[in-house]
Amino acid sequence: MSFFARPHYTSEATQFINELKAKKPTLEAEQRQGRALLWDKKLVATEQADYLDAGVAQQAYVYGTSGHPNSK
């Protein structure tokens, strides 16, 4: 065992999560379902290429005044 290890210590956050999972066993499945709804999407190569092609080139210094209507 490591000199710095605390064998029977669990943080308050870990205790809270463990209690929450014990009270609601379907929690992880619901989280995965929510993640799949928003984040786990298949990329369509043509749509991604269109998105990248639609980008507008940015000036080297974005706060510059060239092209501003009030610049001389």
N, C-alpha and C. Protein backbone atom coordinates (compact mmCIF):
# COMPACT_ATOMS: atom_id res chain seq x y z
N MET A 1 0.84 -1.18 0.00
CA MET A 1 0.00 0.00 0.00
C MET A 1 0.89 1.24 0.00
N SER A 2 0.44 2.24 -0.69
CA SER A 2 1.18 3.49 -0.78
C SER A 2 1.17 4.21 0.58
N PHE A 3 2.20 4.95 0.83
CA PHE A 3 2.32 5.72 2.07
C PHE A 3 1.22 6.77 2.16
N PHE A 4 0.82 7.33 1.02
CA PHE A 4 -0.16 8.41 1.00
C PHE A 4 -1.60 7.93 0.82
N ALA A 5 -1.80 6.66 0.61
CA ALA A 5 -3.15 6.14 0.36
C ALA A 5 -4.01 6.22 1.61
N ARG A 6 -5.26 6.55 1.41
CA ARG A 6 -6.23 6.56 2.50
C ARG A 6 -7.20 5.44 2.20
N PRO A 7 -7.07 4.30 2.84
CA PRO A 7 -7.77 3.09 2.41
C PRO A 7 -9.29 3.15 2.45
N HIS A 8 -9.88 3.84 3.41
CA HIS A 8 -11.33 3.82 3.53
C HIS A 8 -11.95 5.19 3.30
N TYR A 9 -11.29 6.03 2.52
CA TYR A 9 -11.79 7.38 2.29
C TYR A 9 -12.51 7.45 0.96
N THR A 10 -13.70 8.03 0.98
CA THR A 10 -14.39 8.39 -0.26
C THR A 10 -14.86 9.83 -0.10
N SER A 11 -14.67 10.61 -1.13
CA SER A 11 -15.03 12.02 -1.06
C SER A 11 -16.54 12.19 -0.99
N GLU A 12 -16.96 13.39 -0.60
CA GLU A 12 -18.39 13.68 -0.53
C GLU A 12 -19.04 13.58 -1.89
N ALA A 13 -18.31 14.01 -2.91
CA ALA A 13 -18.86 13.95 -4.28
C ALA A 13 -19.08 12.49 -4.69
N THR A 14 -18.11 11.63 -4.40
CA THR A 14 -18.23 10.22 -4.75
C THR A 14 -19.37 9.58 -3.96
N GLN A 15 -19.49 9.92 -2.70
CA GLN A 15 -20.59 9.39 -1.89
C GLN A 15 -21.94 9.82 -2.46
N PHE A 16 -22.04 11.08 -2.86
CA PHE A 16 -23.28 11.59 -3.44
C PHE A 16 -23.64 10.84 -4.72
N ILE A 17 -22.66 10.64 -5.58
CA ILE A 17 -22.92 9.94 -6.85
C ILE A 17 -23.32 8.50 -6.59
N ASN A 18 -22.64 7.84 -5.66
CA ASN A 18 -22.98 6.45 -5.35
C ASN A 18 -24.39 6.35 -4.77
N GLU A 19 -24.77 7.28 -3.91
CA GLU A 19 -26.13 7.28 -3.36
C GLU A 19 -27.16 7.55 -4.46
N LEU A 20 -26.85 8.46 -5.35
CA LEU A 20 -27.76 8.78 -6.45
C LEU A 20 -27.97 7.57 -7.36
N LYS A 21 -26.89 6.88 -7.66
CA LYS A 21 -27.00 5.68 -8.50
C LYS A 21 -27.77 4.57 -7.79
N ALA A 22 -27.60 4.48 -6.46
CA ALA A 22 -28.33 3.46 -5.71
C ALA A 22 -29.83 3.78 -5.68
N LYS A 23 -30.19 5.05 -5.57
CA LYS A 23 -31.59 5.45 -5.54
C LYS A 23 -32.25 5.31 -6.90
N LYS A 24 -31.48 5.56 -7.97
CA LYS A 24 -32.05 5.55 -9.32
C LYS A 24 -31.14 4.70 -10.22
N PRO A 25 -31.36 3.40 -10.26
CA PRO A 25 -30.46 2.52 -11.03
C PRO A 25 -30.47 2.76 -12.54
N THR A 26 -31.48 3.43 -13.05
CA THR A 26 -31.56 3.68 -14.49
C THR A 26 -30.84 4.96 -14.91
N LEU A 27 -30.18 5.60 -13.97
CA LEU A 27 -29.56 6.91 -14.23
C LEU A 27 -28.54 6.85 -15.35
N GLU A 28 -27.63 5.88 -15.31
CA GLU A 28 -26.58 5.82 -16.34
C GLU A 28 -27.17 5.57 -17.72
N ALA A 29 -28.18 4.70 -17.80
CA ALA A 29 -28.81 4.44 -19.09
C ALA A 29 -29.49 5.70 -19.62
N GLU A 30 -30.12 6.47 -18.74
CA GLU A 30 -30.76 7.71 -19.16
C GLU A 30 -29.73 8.74 -19.62
N GLN A 31 -28.59 8.78 -18.94
CA GLN A 31 -27.53 9.70 -19.34
C GLN A 31 -26.99 9.33 -20.72
N ARG A 32 -26.80 8.04 -20.95
CA ARG A 32 -26.32 7.60 -22.26
C ARG A 32 -27.33 7.90 -23.36
N GLN A 33 -28.60 7.74 -23.04
CA GLN A 33 -29.65 8.04 -24.01
C GLN A 33 -29.66 9.53 -24.34
N GLY A 34 -29.50 10.38 -23.34
CA GLY A 34 -29.45 11.82 -23.56
C GLY A 34 -28.24 12.23 -24.36
N ARG A 35 -27.11 11.59 -24.08
CA ARG A 35 -25.90 11.90 -24.84
C ARG A 35 -26.08 11.49 -26.30
N ALA A 36 -26.67 10.33 -26.53
CA ALA A 36 -26.88 9.87 -27.89
C ALA A 36 -27.81 10.81 -28.65
N LEU A 37 -28.75 11.40 -27.94
CA LEU A 37 -29.70 12.32 -28.57
C LEU A 37 -29.00 13.56 -29.10
N LEU A 38 -28.01 14.07 -28.35
CA LEU A 38 -27.39 15.34 -28.72
C LEU A 38 -26.01 15.21 -29.35
N TRP A 39 -25.22 14.25 -28.92
CA TRP A 39 -23.81 14.24 -29.30
C TRP A 39 -23.38 13.09 -30.19
N ASP A 40 -23.87 11.91 -29.95
CA ASP A 40 -23.39 10.75 -30.70
C ASP A 40 -24.11 10.67 -32.04
N LYS A 41 -23.59 11.41 -32.99
CA LYS A 41 -24.20 11.47 -34.32
C LYS A 41 -23.20 10.97 -35.36
N LYS A 42 -23.71 10.37 -36.39
CA LYS A 42 -22.88 9.96 -37.52
C LYS A 42 -22.60 11.19 -38.38
N LEU A 43 -21.37 11.35 -38.78
CA LEU A 43 -21.01 12.47 -39.65
C LEU A 43 -21.24 12.09 -41.10
N VAL A 44 -21.81 13.01 -41.85
CA VAL A 44 -22.00 12.83 -43.28
C VAL A 44 -20.88 13.61 -43.96
N ALA A 45 -20.05 12.89 -44.71
CA ALA A 45 -18.85 13.50 -45.29
C ALA A 45 -19.18 14.70 -46.18
N THR A 46 -20.23 14.61 -46.97
CA THR A 46 -20.55 15.72 -47.87
C THR A 46 -21.00 16.96 -47.09
N GLU A 47 -21.79 16.74 -46.03
CA GLU A 47 -22.24 17.88 -45.23
C GLU A 47 -21.07 18.53 -44.50
N GLN A 48 -20.16 17.70 -44.01
CA GLN A 48 -19.00 18.25 -43.32
C GLN A 48 -18.11 19.02 -44.30
N ALA A 49 -17.95 18.52 -45.51
CA ALA A 49 -17.15 19.22 -46.51
C ALA A 49 -17.80 20.55 -46.87
N ASP A 50 -19.12 20.56 -47.00
CA ASP A 50 -19.83 21.82 -47.28
C ASP A 50 -19.63 22.82 -46.14
N TYR A 51 -19.68 22.33 -44.92
CA TYR A 51 -19.49 23.20 -43.76
C TYR A 51 -18.09 23.81 -43.77
N LEU A 52 -17.08 23.01 -44.04
CA LEU A 52 -15.71 23.51 -44.06
C LEU A 52 -15.48 24.47 -45.22
N ASP A 53 -16.11 24.21 -46.35
CA ASP A 53 -15.97 25.09 -47.51
C ASP A 53 -16.66 26.44 -47.31
N ALA A 54 -17.66 26.48 -46.46
CA ALA A 54 -18.43 27.71 -46.25
C ALA A 54 -17.72 28.69 -45.33
N GLY A 55 -16.60 28.31 -44.77
CA GLY A 55 -15.88 29.20 -43.86
C GLY A 55 -15.37 30.43 -44.57
N VAL A 56 -15.32 31.54 -43.85
CA VAL A 56 -14.83 32.80 -44.39
C VAL A 56 -13.45 33.06 -43.82
N ALA A 57 -12.51 33.42 -44.68
CA ALA A 57 -11.15 33.69 -44.22
C ALA A 57 -11.16 34.89 -43.28
N GLN A 58 -10.41 34.78 -42.21
CA GLN A 58 -10.36 35.85 -41.22
C GLN A 58 -9.06 36.62 -41.38
N GLN A 59 -9.12 37.92 -41.10
CA GLN A 59 -7.93 38.74 -41.16
C GLN A 59 -6.95 38.29 -40.09
N ALA A 60 -5.66 38.60 -40.30
CA ALA A 60 -4.65 38.22 -39.33
C ALA A 60 -4.89 38.91 -37.99
N TYR A 61 -5.29 40.16 -38.02
CA TYR A 61 -5.59 40.89 -36.80
C TYR A 61 -7.05 41.30 -36.88
N VAL A 62 -7.89 40.62 -36.13
CA VAL A 62 -9.33 40.80 -36.29
C VAL A 62 -9.82 42.15 -35.80
N TYR A 63 -9.06 42.83 -34.96
CA TYR A 63 -9.50 44.11 -34.45
C TYR A 63 -8.95 45.27 -35.27
N GLY A 64 -8.41 44.97 -36.41
CA GLY A 64 -7.88 46.01 -37.27
C GLY A 64 -8.98 46.88 -37.83
N THR A 65 -8.61 48.03 -38.38
CA THR A 65 -9.61 48.97 -38.89
C THR A 65 -9.69 48.98 -40.40
N SER A 66 -8.89 48.19 -41.09
CA SER A 66 -8.97 48.20 -42.55
C SER A 66 -10.32 47.66 -43.00
N GLY A 67 -10.94 48.38 -43.90
CA GLY A 67 -12.24 47.98 -44.40
C GLY A 67 -13.39 48.51 -43.56
N HIS A 68 -13.08 49.20 -42.49
CA HIS A 68 -14.14 49.78 -41.65
C HIS A 68 -14.65 51.06 -42.31
N PRO A 69 -15.96 51.31 -42.30
CA PRO A 69 -16.50 52.48 -42.97
C PRO A 69 -15.92 53.82 -42.46
N ASN A 70 -15.48 53.89 -41.22
CA ASN A 70 -14.95 55.13 -40.66
C ASN A 70 -13.45 55.26 -40.83
N SER A 71 -12.79 54.25 -41.41
CA SER A 71 -11.32 54.35 -41.58
C SER A 71 -11.01 55.22 -42.80
N LYS A 72 -9.85 55.86 -42.75
CA LYS A 72 -9.47 56.78 -43.85
C LYS A 72 -8.49 56.14 -44.77
